[in-house]
PDB file of N, CA and C in Angstrom:
ATOM      1  N   MET A   1     -69.213-116.045-180.226  1.00  0.00           N
ATOM      2  CA  MET A   1     -69.928-117.296-180.040  1.00  0.00           C
ATOM      3  C   MET A   1     -69.099-118.408-180.676  1.00  0.00           C
ATOM      4  N   SER A   2     -68.834-119.464-179.932  1.00  0.00           N
ATOM      5  CA  SER A   2     -68.009-120.544-180.467  1.00  0.00           C
ATOM      6  C   SER A   2     -68.823-121.454-181.375  1.00  0.00           C
ATOM      7  N   GLU A   3     -68.116-122.247-182.132  1.00  0.00           N
ATOM      8  CA  GLU A   3     -68.765-123.186-183.055  1.00  0.00           C
ATOM      9  C   GLU A   3     -69.683-124.152-182.319  1.00  0.00           C
ATOM     10  N   HIS A   4     -69.307-124.554-181.102  1.00  0.00           N
ATOM     11  CA  HIS A   4     -70.090-125.539-180.352  1.00  0.00           C
ATOM     12  C   HIS A   4     -71.294-124.931-179.646  1.00  0.00           C
ATOM     13  N   SER A   5     -71.299-123.630-179.427  1.00  0.00           N
ATOM     14  CA  SER A   5     -72.430-123.011-178.738  1.00  0.00           C
ATOM     15  C   SER A   5     -73.461-122.442-179.707  1.00  0.00           C
ATOM     16  N   ARG A   6     -73.147-122.427-180.994  1.00  0.00           N
ATOM     17  CA  ARG A   6     -74.069-121.914-182.004  1.00  0.00           C
ATOM     18  C   ARG A   6     -75.151-122.947-182.318  1.00  0.00           C
ATOM     19  N   PRO A   7     -76.417-122.549-182.403  1.00  0.00           N
ATOM     20  CA  PRO A   7     -77.466-123.508-182.769  1.00  0.00           C
ATOM     21  C   PRO A   7     -77.259-124.012-184.196  1.00  0.00           C
ATOM     22  N   ASP A   8     -77.526-125.269-184.411  1.00  0.00           N
ATOM     23  CA  ASP A   8     -77.401-125.886-185.732  1.00  0.00           C
ATOM     24  C   ASP A   8     -78.725-125.698-186.461  1.00  0.00           C
ATOM     25  N   SER A   9     -78.711-125.042-187.610  1.00  0.00           N
ATOM     26  CA  SER A   9     -79.942-124.731-188.343  1.00  0.00           C
ATOM     27  C   SER A   9     -80.689-125.982-188.791  1.00  0.00           C
ATOM     28  N   ARG A  10     -80.016-127.128-188.862  1.00  0.00           N
ATOM     29  CA  ARG A  10     -80.697-128.370-189.251  1.00  0.00           C
ATOM     30  C   ARG A  10     -81.742-128.785-188.218  1.00  0.00           C
ATOM     31  N   TYR A  11     -81.583-128.311-186.987  1.00  0.00           N
ATOM     32  CA  TYR A  11     -82.490-128.716-185.915  1.00  0.00           C
ATOM     33  C   TYR A  11     -83.455-127.604-185.513  1.00  0.00           C
ATOM     34  N   ALA A  12     -83.596-126.600-186.320  1.00  0.00           N
ATOM     35  CA  ALA A  12     -84.520-125.504-186.022  1.00  0.00           C
ATOM     36  C   ALA A  12     -85.936-126.056-185.905  1.00  0.00           C
ATOM     37  N   GLY A  13     -86.656-125.643-184.883  1.00  0.00           N
ATOM     38  CA  GLY A  13     -88.022-126.109-184.682  1.00  0.00           C
ATOM     39  C   GLY A  13     -88.130-127.305-183.750  1.00  0.00           C
ATOM     40  N   PHE A  14     -87.002-127.926-183.406  1.00  0.00           N
ATOM     41  CA  PHE A  14     -87.018-129.049-182.473  1.00  0.00           C
ATOM     42  C   PHE A  14     -86.707-128.545-181.078  1.00  0.00           C
ATOM     43  N   GLU A  15     -87.294-129.183-180.081  1.00  0.00           N
ATOM     44  CA  GLU A  15     -87.048-128.805-178.693  1.00  0.00           C
ATOM     45  C   GLU A  15     -86.141-129.819-178.027  1.00  0.00           C
ATOM     46  N   GLN A  16     -85.282-129.333-177.137  1.00  0.00           N
ATOM     47  CA  GLN A  16     -84.487-130.220-176.288  1.00  0.00           C
ATOM     48  C   GLN A  16     -85.429-130.757-175.226  1.00  0.00           C
ATOM     49  N   GLY A  17     -85.548-132.062-175.130  1.00  0.00           N
ATOM     50  CA  GLY A  17     -86.400-132.666-174.113  1.00  0.00           C
ATOM     51  C   GLY A  17     -85.786-132.522-172.736  1.00  0.00           C
ATOM     52  N   PRO A  18     -86.547-132.828-171.704  1.00  0.00           N
ATOM     53  CA  PRO A  18     -86.022-132.716-170.346  1.00  0.00           C
ATOM     54  C   PRO A  18     -84.912-133.739-170.118  1.00  0.00           C
ATOM     55  N   ILE A  19     -83.987-133.390-169.280  1.00  0.00           N
ATOM     56  CA  ILE A  19     -82.889-134.289-168.940  1.00  0.00           C
ATOM     57  C   ILE A  19     -83.261-134.963-167.630  1.00  0.00           C
ATOM     58  N   ARG A  20     -83.410-136.285-167.685  1.00  0.00           N
ATOM     59  CA  ARG A  20     -83.852-137.038-166.510  1.00  0.00           C
ATOM     60  C   ARG A  20     -82.892-138.180-166.226  1.00  0.00           C
ATOM     61  N   PRO A  21     -82.865-138.652-164.990  1.00  0.00           N
ATOM     62  CA  PRO A  21     -82.005-139.788-164.665  1.00  0.00           C
ATOM     63  C   PRO A  21     -82.534-141.070-165.309  1.00  0.00           C
ATOM     64  N   PRO A  22     -81.664-142.026-165.596  1.00  0.00           N
ATOM     65  CA  PRO A  22     -82.091-143.287-166.209  1.00  0.00           C
ATOM     66  C   PRO A  22     -83.168-144.018-165.408  1.00  0.00           C
ATOM     67  N   SER A  23     -83.183-143.855-164.096  1.00  0.00           N
ATOM     68  CA  SER A  23     -84.178-144.540-163.268  1.00  0.00           C
ATOM     69  C   SER A  23     -85.599-144.068-163.562  1.00  0.00           C
ATOM     70  N   GLU A  24     -85.751-142.928-164.222  1.00  0.00           N
ATOM     71  CA  GLU A  24     -87.073-142.402-164.565  1.00  0.00           C
ATOM     72  C   GLU A  24     -87.443-142.646-166.028  1.00  0.00           C
ATOM     73  N   ALA A  25     -86.631-143.394-166.741  1.00  0.00           N
ATOM     74  CA  ALA A  25     -86.824-143.581-168.187  1.00  0.00           C
ATOM     75  C   ALA A  25     -88.171-144.202-168.543  1.00  0.00           C
ATOM     76  N   ALA A  26     -88.689-145.095-167.725  1.00  0.00           N
ATOM     77  CA  ALA A  26     -89.943-145.780-168.037  1.00  0.00           C
ATOM     78  C   ALA A  26     -91.169-145.058-167.473  1.00  0.00           C
ATOM     79  N   SER A  27     -90.975-143.962-166.767  1.00  0.00           N
ATOM     80  CA  SER A  27     -92.108-143.260-166.169  1.00  0.00           C
ATOM     81  C   SER A  27     -92.782-142.349-167.190  1.00  0.00           C
ATOM     82  N   LEU A  28     -94.067-142.117-166.984  1.00  0.00           N
ATOM     83  CA  LEU A  28     -94.838-141.229-167.851  1.00  0.00           C
ATOM     84  C   LEU A  28     -94.406-139.787-167.599  1.00  0.00           C
ATOM     85  N   LEU A  29     -94.221-139.054-168.654  1.00  0.00           N
ATOM     86  CA  LEU A  29     -93.786-137.673-168.530  1.00  0.00           C
ATOM     87  C   LEU A  29     -94.819-136.764-169.184  1.00  0.00           C
ATOM     88  N   LEU A  30     -95.370-135.868-168.418  1.00  0.00           N
ATOM     89  CA  LEU A  30     -96.331-134.895-168.923  1.00  0.00           C
ATOM     90  C   LEU A  30     -95.646-133.532-168.892  1.00  0.00           C
ATOM     91  N   ARG A  31     -95.227-133.057-170.049  1.00  0.00           N
ATOM     92  CA  ARG A  31     -94.490-131.794-170.120  1.00  0.00           C
ATOM     93  C   ARG A  31     -95.468-130.625-170.190  1.00  0.00           C
ATOM     94  N   VAL A  32     -95.426-129.779-169.183  1.00  0.00           N
ATOM     95  CA  VAL A  32     -96.309-128.613-169.147  1.00  0.00           C
ATOM     96  C   VAL A  32     -95.532-127.304-169.273  1.00  0.00           C
ATOM     97  N   THR A  33     -94.206-127.399-169.363  1.00  0.00           N
ATOM     98  CA  THR A  33     -93.366-126.216-169.528  1.00  0.00           C
ATOM     99  C   THR A  33     -92.321-126.465-170.609  1.00  0.00           C
ATOM    100  N   ARG A  34     -91.694-125.397-171.048  1.00  0.00           N
ATOM    101  CA  ARG A  34     -90.570-125.479-171.986  1.00  0.00           C
ATOM    102  C   ARG A  34     -89.353-124.836-171.333  1.00  0.00           C
ATOM    103  N   ASN A  35     -88.217-125.481-171.492  1.00  0.00           N
ATOM    104  CA  ASN A  35     -86.928-124.965-171.034  1.00  0.00           C
ATOM    105  C   ASN A  35     -86.829-124.956-169.516  1.00  0.00           C
ATOM    106  N   CYS A  36     -85.877-124.249-169.006  1.00  0.00           N
ATOM    107  CA  CYS A  36     -85.553-124.297-167.578  1.00  0.00           C
ATOM    108  C   CYS A  36     -86.022-123.033-166.858  1.00  0.00           C
ATOM    109  N   PRO A  37     -86.761-123.179-165.737  1.00  0.00           N
ATOM    110  CA  PRO A  37     -87.224-121.995-165.022  1.00  0.00           C
ATOM    111  C   PRO A  37     -86.083-121.265-164.291  1.00  0.00           C
ATOM    112  N   TRP A  38     -85.023-121.956-163.954  1.00  0.00           N
ATOM    113  CA  TRP A  38     -83.912-121.336-163.229  1.00  0.00           C
ATOM    114  C   TRP A  38     -82.904-120.748-164.216  1.00  0.00           C
ATOM    115  N   ASN A  39     -82.368-121.562-165.090  1.00  0.00           N
ATOM    116  CA  ASN A  39     -81.474-121.158-166.190  1.00  0.00           C
ATOM    117  C   ASN A  39     -80.319-120.265-165.744  1.00  0.00           C
ATOM    118  N   ARG A  40     -79.777-120.533-164.550  1.00  0.00           N
ATOM    119  CA  ARG A  40     -78.653-119.743-164.043  1.00  0.00           C
ATOM    120  C   ARG A  40     -77.461-120.604-163.643  1.00  0.00           C
ATOM    121  N   CYS A  41     -77.538-121.898-163.838  1.00  0.00           N
ATOM    122  CA  CYS A  41     -76.447-122.786-163.436  1.00  0.00           C
ATOM    123  C   CYS A  41     -75.266-122.616-164.391  1.00  0.00           C
ATOM    124  N   SER A  42     -74.121-122.275-163.858  1.00  0.00           N
ATOM    125  CA  SER A  42     -72.949-122.027-164.705  1.00  0.00           C
ATOM    126  C   SER A  42     -72.423-123.301-165.354  1.00  0.00           C
ATOM    127  N   PHE A  43     -72.728-124.470-164.784  1.00  0.00           N
ATOM    128  CA  PHE A  43     -72.215-125.730-165.323  1.00  0.00           C
ATOM    129  C   PHE A  43     -73.113-126.325-166.406  1.00  0.00           C
ATOM    130  N   CYS A  44     -74.302-125.805-166.609  1.00  0.00           N
ATOM    131  CA  CYS A  44     -75.263-126.404-167.539  1.00  0.00           C
ATOM    132  C   CYS A  44     -75.453-125.531-168.779  1.00  0.00           C
ATOM    133  N   PRO A  45     -75.054-126.030-169.960  1.00  0.00           N
ATOM    134  CA  PRO A  45     -75.207-125.244-171.187  1.00  0.00           C
ATOM    135  C   PRO A  45     -76.487-125.542-171.969  1.00  0.00           C
ATOM    136  N   VAL A  46     -77.332-126.423-171.464  1.00  0.00           N
ATOM    137  CA  VAL A  46     -78.438-126.964-172.255  1.00  0.00           C
ATOM    138  C   VAL A  46     -79.465-125.923-172.685  1.00  0.00           C
ATOM    139  N   TYR A  47     -79.965-125.112-171.781  1.00  0.00           N
ATOM    140  CA  TYR A  47     -81.054-124.196-172.124  1.00  0.00           C
ATOM    141  C   TYR A  47     -80.610-122.744-172.227  1.00  0.00           C
ATOM    142  N   LYS A  48     -79.324-122.491-172.343  1.00  0.00           N
ATOM    143  CA  LYS A  48     -78.829-121.112-172.429  1.00  0.00           C
ATOM    144  C   LYS A  48     -79.441-120.415-173.641  1.00  0.00           C
ATOM    145  N   GLY A  49     -79.927-119.217-173.431  1.00  0.00           N
ATOM    146  CA  GLY A  49     -80.523-118.454-174.519  1.00  0.00           C
ATOM    147  C   GLY A  49     -81.967-118.820-174.807  1.00  0.00           C
ATOM    148  N   GLU A  50     -82.510-119.769-174.071  1.00  0.00           N
ATOM    149  CA  GLU A  50     -83.903-120.180-174.273  1.00  0.00           C
ATOM    150  C   GLU A  50     -84.747-119.632-173.133  1.00  0.00           C
ATOM    151  N   GLN A  51     -85.905-119.113-173.439  1.00  0.00           N
ATOM    152  CA  GLN A  51     -86.783-118.533-172.430  1.00  0.00           C
ATOM    153  C   GLN A  51     -87.747-119.582-171.900  1.00  0.00           C
ATOM    154  N   PHE A  52     -87.930-119.606-170.595  1.00  0.00           N
ATOM    155  CA  PHE A  52     -88.887-120.503-169.951  1.00  0.00           C
ATOM    156  C   PHE A  52     -90.305-120.087-170.334  1.00  0.00           C
ATOM    157  N   SER A  53     -91.176-121.066-170.597  1.00  0.00           N
ATOM    158  CA  SER A  53     -92.576-120.762-170.908  1.00  0.00           C
ATOM    159  C   SER A  53     -93.452-121.962-170.593  1.00  0.00           C
ATOM    160  N   LEU A  54     -94.739-121.704-170.450  1.00  0.00           N
ATOM    161  CA  LEU A  54     -95.716-122.775-170.266  1.00  0.00           C
ATOM    162  C   LEU A  54     -96.094-123.316-171.634  1.00  0.00           C
ATOM    163  N   ARG A  55     -96.335-124.611-171.705  1.00  0.00           N
ATOM    164  CA  ARG A  55     -96.770-125.218-172.967  1.00  0.00           C
ATOM    165  C   ARG A  55     -98.287-125.108-173.063  1.00  0.00           C
ATOM    166  N   PRO A  56     -98.818-124.930-174.262  1.00  0.00           N
ATOM    167  CA  PRO A  56    -100.280-124.884-174.411  1.00  0.00           C
ATOM    168  C   PRO A  56    -100.893-126.252-174.111  1.00  0.00           C
ATOM    169  N   VAL A  57    -102.118-126.256-173.642  1.00  0.00           N
ATOM    170  CA  VAL A  57    -102.803-127.495-173.283  1.00  0.00           C
ATOM    171  C   VAL A  57    -103.135-128.329-174.516  1.00  0.00           C
ATOM    172  N   ASP A  58    -103.453-127.719-175.621  1.00  0.00           N
ATOM    173  CA  ASP A  58    -103.851-128.461-176.822  1.00  0.00           C
ATOM    174  C   ASP A  58    -102.717-129.029-177.594  1.00  0.00           C
TER     175      ASP A  58
END
């Protein structure tokens, strides 16, 4: 595992928010899931090692 792919312990407990285009920056976002449901894109390192899940309603 390289230095850049290792999680930084200072950020433990924080979630990576969704990546959206700037044109959607002012829109309301209701997050009902965590991470990426596909998680197979070879060009995207963002959610590697993270499991997709539904967020609780409360």
